[in-house]
PDB file of N, CA and C in Angstrom:
ATOM      1  N   UNK A   1       8.911   4.031   7.219  1.00  0.00           N
ATOM      2  CA  UNK A   1       7.896   3.219   6.595  1.00  0.00           C
ATOM      3  C   UNK A   1       6.562   3.496   7.286  1.00  0.00           C
ATOM      4  N   UNK A   2       5.520   3.572   6.486  1.00  0.00           N
ATOM      5  CA  UNK A   2       4.183   3.897   6.974  1.00  0.00           C
ATOM      6  C   UNK A   2       3.581   2.705   7.727  1.00  0.00           C
ATOM      7  N   UNK A   3       2.968   2.945   8.901  1.00  0.00           N
ATOM      8  CA  UNK A   3       2.365   1.832   9.640  1.00  0.00           C
ATOM      9  C   UNK A   3       1.193   1.176   8.904  1.00  0.00           C
ATOM     10  N   UNK A   4       0.526   1.909   8.032  1.00  0.00           N
ATOM     11  CA  UNK A   4      -0.603   1.345   7.295  1.00  0.00           C
ATOM     12  C   UNK A   4      -0.202   0.631   6.021  1.00  0.00           C
ATOM     13  N   UNK A   5       1.101   0.539   5.770  1.00  0.00           N
ATOM     14  CA  UNK A   5       1.564  -0.072   4.524  1.00  0.00           C
ATOM     15  C   UNK A   5       1.195  -1.560   4.448  1.00  0.00           C
ATOM     16  N   UNK A   6       1.356  -2.289   5.525  1.00  0.00           N
ATOM     17  CA  UNK A   6       1.013  -3.718   5.532  1.00  0.00           C
ATOM     18  C   UNK A   6      -0.487  -3.908   5.308  1.00  0.00           C
ATOM     19  N   UNK A   7      -1.297  -3.047   5.913  1.00  0.00           N
ATOM     20  CA  UNK A   7      -2.747  -3.111   5.728  1.00  0.00           C
ATOM     21  C   UNK A   7      -3.117  -2.821   4.275  1.00  0.00           C
ATOM     22  N   UNK A   8      -2.503  -1.815   3.701  1.00  0.00           N
ATOM     23  CA  UNK A   8      -2.775  -1.460   2.310  1.00  0.00           C
ATOM     24  C   UNK A   8      -2.357  -2.558   1.348  1.00  0.00           C
ATOM     25  N   UNK A   9      -1.201  -3.162   1.583  1.00  0.00           N
ATOM     26  CA  UNK A   9      -0.743  -4.253   0.719  1.00  0.00           C
ATOM     27  C   UNK A   9      -1.673  -5.459   0.804  1.00  0.00           C
ATOM     28  N   UNK A  10      -2.142  -5.771   2.006  1.00  0.00           N
ATOM     29  CA  UNK A  10      -3.068  -6.893   2.168  1.00  0.00           C
ATOM     30  C   UNK A  10      -4.380  -6.617   1.450  1.00  0.00           C
ATOM     31  N   UNK A  11      -4.828  -5.368   1.465  1.00  0.00           N
ATOM     32  CA  UNK A  11      -6.081  -5.017   0.792  1.00  0.00           C
ATOM     33  C   UNK A  11      -5.958  -5.054  -0.720  1.00  0.00           C
ATOM     34  N   UNK A  12      -4.766  -5.010  -1.251  1.00  0.00           N
ATOM     35  CA  UNK A  12      -4.558  -5.119  -2.697  1.00  0.00           C
ATOM     36  C   UNK A  12      -4.203  -6.553  -3.090  1.00  0.00           C
ATOM     37  N   UNK A  13      -3.315  -7.184  -2.343  1.00  0.00           N
ATOM     38  CA  UNK A  13      -2.811  -8.506  -2.720  1.00  0.00           C
ATOM     39  C   UNK A  13      -3.875  -9.595  -2.649  1.00  0.00           C
ATOM     40  N   UNK A  14      -4.701  -9.607  -1.612  1.00  0.00           N
ATOM     41  CA  UNK A  14      -5.686 -10.680  -1.469  1.00  0.00           C
ATOM     42  C   UNK A  14      -6.771 -10.642  -2.547  1.00  0.00           C
ATOM     43  N   UNK A  15      -7.387  -9.495  -2.838  1.00  0.00           N
ATOM     44  CA  UNK A  15      -8.362  -9.492  -3.947  1.00  0.00           C
ATOM     45  C   UNK A  15      -7.722  -9.790  -5.303  1.00  0.00           C
ATOM     46  N   UNK A  16      -6.517  -9.302  -5.536  1.00  0.00           N
ATOM     47  CA  UNK A  16      -5.834  -9.586  -6.796  1.00  0.00           C
ATOM     48  C   UNK A  16      -5.540 -11.079  -6.927  1.00  0.00           C
ATOM     49  N   UNK A  17      -5.077 -11.703  -5.858  1.00  0.00           N
ATOM     50  CA  UNK A  17      -4.812 -13.145  -5.883  1.00  0.00           C
ATOM     51  C   UNK A  17      -6.101 -13.927  -6.127  1.00  0.00           C
ATOM     52  N   UNK A  18      -7.200 -13.476  -5.553  1.00  0.00           N
ATOM     53  CA  UNK A  18      -8.486 -14.133  -5.764  1.00  0.00           C
ATOM     54  C   UNK A  18      -8.927 -14.024  -7.219  1.00  0.00           C
ATOM     55  N   UNK A  19      -8.759 -12.853  -7.822  1.00  0.00           N
ATOM     56  CA  UNK A  19      -9.116 -12.680  -9.232  1.00  0.00           C
ATOM     57  C   UNK A  19      -8.255 -13.553 -10.135  1.00  0.00           C
ATOM     58  N   UNK A  20      -6.967 -13.635  -9.847  1.00  0.00           N
ATOM     59  CA  UNK A  20      -6.072 -14.446 -10.668  1.00  0.00           C
ATOM     60  C   UNK A  20      -6.354 -15.936 -10.505  1.00  0.00           C
ATOM     61  N   UNK A  21      -6.777 -16.351  -9.312  1.00  0.00           N
ATOM     62  CA  UNK A  21      -7.042 -17.765  -9.055  1.00  0.00           C
ATOM     63  C   UNK A  21      -8.349 -18.226  -9.697  1.00  0.00           C
ATOM     64  N   UNK A  22      -9.410 -17.434  -9.567  1.00  0.00           N
ATOM     65  CA  UNK A  22     -10.740 -17.862  -9.991  1.00  0.00           C
ATOM     66  C   UNK A  22     -11.032 -17.651 -11.472  1.00  0.00           C
ATOM     67  N   UNK A  23     -10.234 -16.834 -12.155  1.00  0.00           N
ATOM     68  CA  UNK A  23     -10.551 -16.502 -13.538  1.00  0.00           C
ATOM     69  C   UNK A  23      -9.366 -16.745 -14.458  1.00  0.00           C
ATOM     70  N   UNK A  24      -9.675 -17.143 -15.690  1.00  0.00           N
ATOM     71  CA  UNK A  24      -8.723 -17.082 -16.792  1.00  0.00           C
ATOM     72  C   UNK A  24      -9.032 -15.783 -17.515  1.00  0.00           C
ATOM     73  N   UNK A  25      -8.025 -15.147 -18.061  1.00  0.00           N
ATOM     74  CA  UNK A  25      -8.203 -13.837 -18.671  1.00  0.00           C
ATOM     75  C   UNK A  25      -7.934 -13.928 -20.159  1.00  0.00           C
ATOM     76  N   UNK A  26      -8.895 -13.466 -20.954  1.00  0.00           N
ATOM     77  CA  UNK A  26      -8.777 -13.473 -22.409  1.00  0.00           C
ATOM     78  C   UNK A  26      -8.651 -12.032 -22.879  1.00  0.00           C
ATOM     79  N   UNK A  27      -7.655 -11.802 -23.731  1.00  0.00           N
ATOM     80  CA  UNK A  27      -7.426 -10.456 -24.253  1.00  0.00           C
ATOM     81  C   UNK A  27      -8.487 -10.129 -25.287  1.00  0.00           C
ATOM     82  N   UNK A  28      -9.133  -8.973 -25.142  1.00  0.00           N
ATOM     83  CA  UNK A  28     -10.143  -8.507 -26.085  1.00  0.00           C
ATOM     84  C   UNK A  28      -9.491  -7.418 -26.924  1.00  0.00           C
ATOM     85  N   UNK A  29      -9.110  -7.769 -28.127  1.00  0.00           N
ATOM     86  CA  UNK A  29      -8.437  -6.824 -28.999  1.00  0.00           C
ATOM     87  C   UNK A  29      -8.474  -7.316 -30.426  1.00  0.00           C
ATOM     88  N   UNK A  30      -8.067  -6.480 -31.363  1.00  0.00           N
ATOM     89  CA  UNK A  30      -8.145  -6.859 -32.774  1.00  0.00           C
ATOM     90  C   UNK A  30      -7.229  -8.022 -33.150  1.00  0.00           C
ATOM     91  N   UNK A  31      -6.009  -8.043 -32.643  1.00  0.00           N
ATOM     92  CA  UNK A  31      -5.060  -9.095 -33.010  1.00  0.00           C
ATOM     93  C   UNK A  31      -3.979  -9.153 -31.941  1.00  0.00           C
ATOM     94  N   UNK A  32      -3.665 -10.352 -31.477  1.00  0.00           N
ATOM     95  CA  UNK A  32      -2.675 -10.473 -30.411  1.00  0.00           C
ATOM     96  C   UNK A  32      -1.284 -10.059 -30.861  1.00  0.00           C
ATOM     97  N   UNK A  33      -1.015 -10.103 -32.166  1.00  0.00           N
ATOM     98  CA  UNK A  33       0.301  -9.705 -32.672  1.00  0.00           C
ATOM     99  C   UNK A  33       0.482  -8.195 -32.623  1.00  0.00           C
ATOM    100  N   UNK A  34      -0.610  -7.454 -32.496  1.00  0.00           N
ATOM    101  CA  UNK A  34      -0.533  -6.000 -32.507  1.00  0.00           C
ATOM    102  C   UNK A  34      -0.723  -5.398 -31.119  1.00  0.00           C
ATOM    103  N   UNK A  35      -0.336  -6.099 -30.087  1.00  0.00           N
ATOM    104  CA  UNK A  35      -0.430  -5.582 -28.726  1.00  0.00           C
ATOM    105  C   UNK A  35       0.595  -4.473 -28.551  1.00  0.00           C
ATOM    106  N   UNK A  36       0.116  -3.266 -28.342  1.00  0.00           N
ATOM    107  CA  UNK A  36       0.975  -2.088 -28.246  1.00  0.00           C
ATOM    108  C   UNK A  36       1.417  -1.894 -26.801  1.00  0.00           C
ATOM    109  N   UNK A  37       2.710  -1.948 -26.558  1.00  0.00           N
ATOM    110  CA  UNK A  37       3.246  -1.807 -25.208  1.00  0.00           C
ATOM    111  C   UNK A  37       3.922  -0.456 -24.984  1.00  0.00           C
ATOM    112  N   UNK A  38       3.622   0.549 -25.807  1.00  0.00           N
ATOM    113  CA  UNK A  38       4.235   1.863 -25.615  1.00  0.00           C
ATOM    114  C   UNK A  38       3.695   2.495 -24.343  1.00  0.00           C
ATOM    115  N   UNK A  39       4.515   3.341 -23.752  1.00  0.00           N
ATOM    116  CA  UNK A  39       4.165   3.975 -22.486  1.00  0.00           C
ATOM    117  C   UNK A  39       3.804   5.432 -22.692  1.00  0.00           C
ATOM    118  N   UNK A  40       2.898   5.916 -21.860  1.00  0.00           N
ATOM    119  CA  UNK A  40       2.567   7.335 -21.807  1.00  0.00           C
ATOM    120  C   UNK A  40       3.160   7.857 -20.504  1.00  0.00           C
ATOM    121  N   UNK A  41       3.986   8.856 -20.588  1.00  0.00           N
ATOM    122  CA  UNK A  41       4.675   9.347 -19.406  1.00  0.00           C
ATOM    123  C   UNK A  41       3.883  10.468 -18.749  1.00  0.00           C
ATOM    124  N   UNK A  42       3.940  10.503 -17.465  1.00  0.00           N
ATOM    125  CA  UNK A  42       3.290  11.515 -16.661  1.00  0.00           C
ATOM    126  C   UNK A  42       3.919  11.440 -15.285  1.00  0.00           C
ATOM    127  N   UNK A  43       3.095  11.494 -14.264  1.00  0.00           N
ATOM    128  CA  UNK A  43       3.602  11.337 -12.911  1.00  0.00           C
ATOM    129  C   UNK A  43       4.158   9.923 -12.715  1.00  0.00           C
ATOM    130  N   UNK A  44       3.501   8.947 -13.354  1.00  0.00           N
ATOM    131  CA  UNK A  44       3.984   7.562 -13.362  1.00  0.00           C
ATOM    132  C   UNK A  44       4.009   7.067 -14.802  1.00  0.00           C
ATOM    133  N   UNK A  45       4.744   6.014 -15.051  1.00  0.00           N
ATOM    134  CA  UNK A  45       4.755   5.410 -16.389  1.00  0.00           C
ATOM    135  C   UNK A  45       3.564   4.466 -16.479  1.00  0.00           C
ATOM    136  N   UNK A  46       2.748   4.651 -17.488  1.00  0.00           N
ATOM    137  CA  UNK A  46       1.573   3.806 -17.689  1.00  0.00           C
ATOM    138  C   UNK A  46       1.465   3.468 -19.169  1.00  0.00           C
ATOM    139  N   UNK A  47       0.565   2.552 -19.475  1.00  0.00           N
ATOM    140  CA  UNK A  47       0.360   2.160 -20.874  1.00  0.00           C
ATOM    141  C   UNK A  47      -0.327   3.282 -21.632  1.00  0.00           C
ATOM    142  N   UNK A  48       0.073   3.461 -22.877  1.00  0.00           N
ATOM    143  CA  UNK A  48      -0.545   4.483 -23.721  1.00  0.00           C
ATOM    144  C   UNK A  48      -1.991   4.112 -24.046  1.00  0.00           C
ATOM    145  N   UNK A  49      -2.225   2.856 -24.394  1.00  0.00           N
ATOM    146  CA  UNK A  49      -3.570   2.362 -24.693  1.00  0.00           C
ATOM    147  C   UNK A  49      -4.017   1.415 -23.589  1.00  0.00           C
ATOM    148  N   UNK A  50      -5.322   1.373 -23.354  1.00  0.00           N
ATOM    149  CA  UNK A  50      -5.853   0.508 -22.312  1.00  0.00           C
ATOM    150  C   UNK A  50      -5.718  -0.963 -22.702  1.00  0.00           C
ATOM    151  N   UNK A  51      -5.528  -1.797 -21.710  1.00  0.00           N
ATOM    152  CA  UNK A  51      -5.501  -3.243 -21.903  1.00  0.00           C
ATOM    153  C   UNK A  51      -6.873  -3.774 -21.498  1.00  0.00           C
ATOM    154  N   UNK A  52      -7.615  -4.292 -22.451  1.00  0.00           N
ATOM    155  CA  UNK A  52      -8.959  -4.790 -22.186  1.00  0.00           C
ATOM    156  C   UNK A  52      -8.921  -6.309 -22.092  1.00  0.00           C
ATOM    157  N   UNK A  53      -9.377  -6.822 -20.948  1.00  0.00           N
ATOM    158  CA  UNK A  53      -9.392  -8.260 -20.704  1.00  0.00           C
ATOM    159  C   UNK A  53     -10.800  -8.706 -20.364  1.00  0.00           C
ATOM    160  N   UNK A  54     -11.136  -9.930 -20.761  1.00  0.00           N
ATOM    161  CA  UNK A  54     -12.431 -10.511 -20.444  1.00  0.00           C
ATOM    162  C   UNK A  54     -12.206 -11.670 -19.478  1.00  0.00           C
ATOM    163  N   UNK A  55     -12.848 -11.634 -18.298  1.00  0.00           N
ATOM    164  CA  UNK A  55     -12.682 -12.738 -17.353  1.00  0.00           C
ATOM    165  C   UNK A  55     -13.526 -13.942 -17.757  1.00  0.00           C
ATOM    166  N   UNK A  56     -12.917 -15.115 -17.684  1.00  0.00           N
ATOM    167  CA  UNK A  56     -13.612 -16.377 -17.939  1.00  0.00           C
ATOM    168  C   UNK A  56     -13.520 -17.205 -16.662  1.00  0.00           C
ATOM    169  N   UNK A  57     -14.675 -17.548 -16.091  1.00  0.00           N
ATOM    170  CA  UNK A  57     -14.706 -18.265 -14.816  1.00  0.00           C
ATOM    171  C   UNK A  57     -14.024 -19.620 -14.950  1.00  0.00           C
ATOM    172  N   UNK A  58     -13.057 -19.867 -14.078  1.00  0.00           N
ATOM    173  CA  UNK A  58     -12.305 -21.118 -14.101  1.00  0.00           C
ATOM    174  C   UNK A  58     -12.663 -21.965 -12.888  1.00  0.00           C
ATOM    175  N   UNK A  59     -12.691 -21.355 -11.716  1.00  0.00           N
ATOM    176  CA  UNK A  59     -13.023 -22.037 -10.466  1.00  0.00           C
ATOM    177  C   UNK A  59     -14.261 -21.350  -9.893  1.00  0.00           C
ATOM    178  N   UNK A  60     -15.330 -22.089  -9.580  1.00  0.00           N
ATOM    179  CA  UNK A  60     -16.545 -21.452  -9.055  1.00  0.00           C
ATOM    180  C   UNK A  60     -16.262 -20.662  -7.776  1.00  0.00           C
ATOM    181  N   UNK A  61     -16.937 -19.522  -7.661  1.00  0.00           N
ATOM    182  CA  UNK A  61     -16.817 -18.684  -6.476  1.00  0.00           C
ATOM    183  C   UNK A  61     -17.739 -19.225  -5.390  1.00  0.00           C
ATOM    184  N   UNK A  62     -17.242 -19.348  -4.178  1.00  0.00           N
ATOM    185  CA  UNK A  62     -18.047 -19.843  -3.069  1.00  0.00           C
ATOM    186  C   UNK A  62     -18.865 -18.707  -2.481  1.00  0.00           C
ATOM    187  N   UNK A  63     -20.106 -18.984  -2.152  1.00  0.00           N
ATOM    188  CA  UNK A  63     -20.946 -17.994  -1.499  1.00  0.00           C
ATOM    189  C   UNK A  63     -21.527 -16.953  -2.427  1.00  0.00           C
ATOM    190  N   UNK A  64     -21.465 -17.192  -3.728  1.00  0.00           N
ATOM    191  CA  UNK A  64     -22.041 -16.222  -4.672  1.00  0.00           C
ATOM    192  C   UNK A  64     -23.156 -16.876  -5.431  1.00  0.00           C
TER     193      UNK A  64
END
């Protein structure tokens, strides 16, 4: 196991948790019933089409 793994996880988990806590996310797309979940294969499995989300402020950010 890499010694920098804990550091890397902390650098991803804390900002992601902050984004999820402070914002509600609204899907920006033509219709929610037509959300395409097909995958495009390559080195990793990823979504074929991009997922576009709009952040809506839920909890005010401190110090901004």
